[in-house]
N, C-alpha and C. Protein backbone atom coordinates (compact mmCIF):
# COMPACT_ATOMS: atom_id res chain seq x y z
N MET A 1 86.87 87.22 101.40
CA MET A 1 88.26 86.86 101.48
C MET A 1 89.05 87.89 100.67
N VAL A 2 90.16 88.31 101.22
CA VAL A 2 91.02 89.29 100.55
C VAL A 2 92.44 88.77 100.49
N GLY A 3 93.23 89.35 99.60
CA GLY A 3 94.63 88.97 99.51
C GLY A 3 95.38 89.37 100.78
N ASN A 4 96.42 88.65 101.09
CA ASN A 4 97.21 88.89 102.30
C ASN A 4 98.58 89.42 101.89
N THR A 5 98.59 90.64 101.35
CA THR A 5 99.84 91.23 100.89
C THR A 5 99.88 92.70 101.27
N GLY A 6 101.06 93.28 101.16
CA GLY A 6 101.21 94.71 101.36
C GLY A 6 101.23 95.11 102.82
N ALA A 7 100.89 96.37 103.05
CA ALA A 7 100.99 96.97 104.38
C ALA A 7 100.06 96.33 105.41
N HIS A 8 98.99 95.69 104.96
CA HIS A 8 98.01 95.11 105.90
C HIS A 8 98.08 93.59 105.97
N ALA A 9 99.18 93.01 105.50
CA ALA A 9 99.34 91.56 105.57
C ALA A 9 99.45 91.10 107.02
N VAL A 10 98.93 89.93 107.31
CA VAL A 10 99.01 89.37 108.66
C VAL A 10 99.72 88.02 108.60
N GLN A 11 100.23 87.62 109.73
CA GLN A 11 100.85 86.31 109.88
C GLN A 11 100.51 85.79 111.27
N ALA A 12 100.77 84.53 111.50
CA ALA A 12 100.50 83.96 112.83
C ALA A 12 101.23 84.80 113.87
N GLY A 13 100.53 85.16 114.93
CA GLY A 13 101.10 85.98 115.99
C GLY A 13 100.69 87.44 115.90
N THR A 14 100.13 87.86 114.77
CA THR A 14 99.68 89.24 114.61
C THR A 14 98.49 89.52 115.52
N VAL A 15 98.43 90.71 116.09
CA VAL A 15 97.27 91.16 116.84
C VAL A 15 96.56 92.19 115.98
N VAL A 16 95.29 91.95 115.67
CA VAL A 16 94.48 92.87 114.86
C VAL A 16 93.58 93.65 115.81
N ILE A 17 93.65 94.97 115.73
CA ILE A 17 92.87 95.83 116.62
C ILE A 17 91.75 96.49 115.82
N ILE A 18 90.55 96.43 116.36
CA ILE A 18 89.36 97.01 115.74
C ILE A 18 89.08 98.33 116.43
N THR A 19 88.87 99.38 115.63
CA THR A 19 88.61 100.71 116.20
C THR A 19 87.33 101.31 115.66
N GLU A 20 86.77 102.21 116.44
CA GLU A 20 85.69 103.10 116.00
C GLU A 20 86.22 104.50 116.26
N GLY A 21 86.69 105.17 115.22
CA GLY A 21 87.38 106.43 115.41
C GLY A 21 88.69 106.17 116.13
N ALA A 22 88.95 106.90 117.19
CA ALA A 22 90.18 106.72 117.96
C ALA A 22 90.03 105.67 119.07
N ARG A 23 88.80 105.16 119.26
CA ARG A 23 88.53 104.24 120.37
C ARG A 23 88.71 102.79 119.96
N GLN A 24 89.49 102.03 120.74
CA GLN A 24 89.63 100.59 120.53
C GLN A 24 88.37 99.89 121.01
N VAL A 25 87.77 99.06 120.15
CA VAL A 25 86.56 98.36 120.55
C VAL A 25 86.71 96.85 120.56
N GLY A 26 87.83 96.36 120.06
CA GLY A 26 88.05 94.92 120.08
C GLY A 26 89.39 94.57 119.48
N TYR A 27 89.78 93.33 119.68
CA TYR A 27 91.02 92.85 119.08
C TYR A 27 90.98 91.33 119.01
N PHE A 28 91.81 90.77 118.15
CA PHE A 28 91.97 89.33 118.13
C PHE A 28 93.39 88.98 117.73
N HIS A 29 93.81 87.80 118.14
CA HIS A 29 95.14 87.27 117.83
C HIS A 29 95.01 86.29 116.67
N VAL A 30 95.85 86.44 115.67
CA VAL A 30 95.86 85.52 114.53
C VAL A 30 96.70 84.31 114.91
N THR A 31 96.11 83.13 114.84
CA THR A 31 96.85 81.91 115.17
C THR A 31 97.25 81.12 113.92
N GLU A 32 96.51 81.34 112.81
CA GLU A 32 96.80 80.60 111.59
C GLU A 32 96.35 81.43 110.39
N VAL A 33 97.14 81.44 109.35
CA VAL A 33 96.76 82.08 108.09
C VAL A 33 96.73 80.98 107.03
N LEU A 34 95.56 80.80 106.44
CA LEU A 34 95.39 79.76 105.43
C LEU A 34 95.85 80.27 104.07
N ASP A 35 96.46 79.42 103.30
CA ASP A 35 96.89 79.73 101.95
C ASP A 35 95.74 79.35 101.03
N ALA A 36 94.88 80.32 100.72
CA ALA A 36 93.71 80.05 99.89
C ALA A 36 93.59 81.13 98.82
N THR A 37 93.09 80.75 97.68
CA THR A 37 92.85 81.69 96.60
C THR A 37 91.36 81.96 96.53
N PRO A 38 90.95 83.24 96.58
CA PRO A 38 89.51 83.53 96.49
C PRO A 38 88.95 83.10 95.14
N PRO A 39 87.70 82.66 95.11
CA PRO A 39 87.10 82.27 93.84
C PRO A 39 86.90 83.47 92.93
N ASP A 40 87.00 83.25 91.63
CA ASP A 40 86.73 84.33 90.67
C ASP A 40 85.24 84.64 90.68
N GLU A 41 84.94 85.93 90.57
CA GLU A 41 83.53 86.33 90.54
C GLU A 41 83.16 86.79 89.16
């Protein structure tokens, strides 16, 4: 789990594209972003 802030923050409706180099290899649509705090390690 990572923080959801800054340039890479997502929200409901975001499309996340997975690449290998310049080639698109997959994508998914974000439908829900949970408000959760990662556990301390």
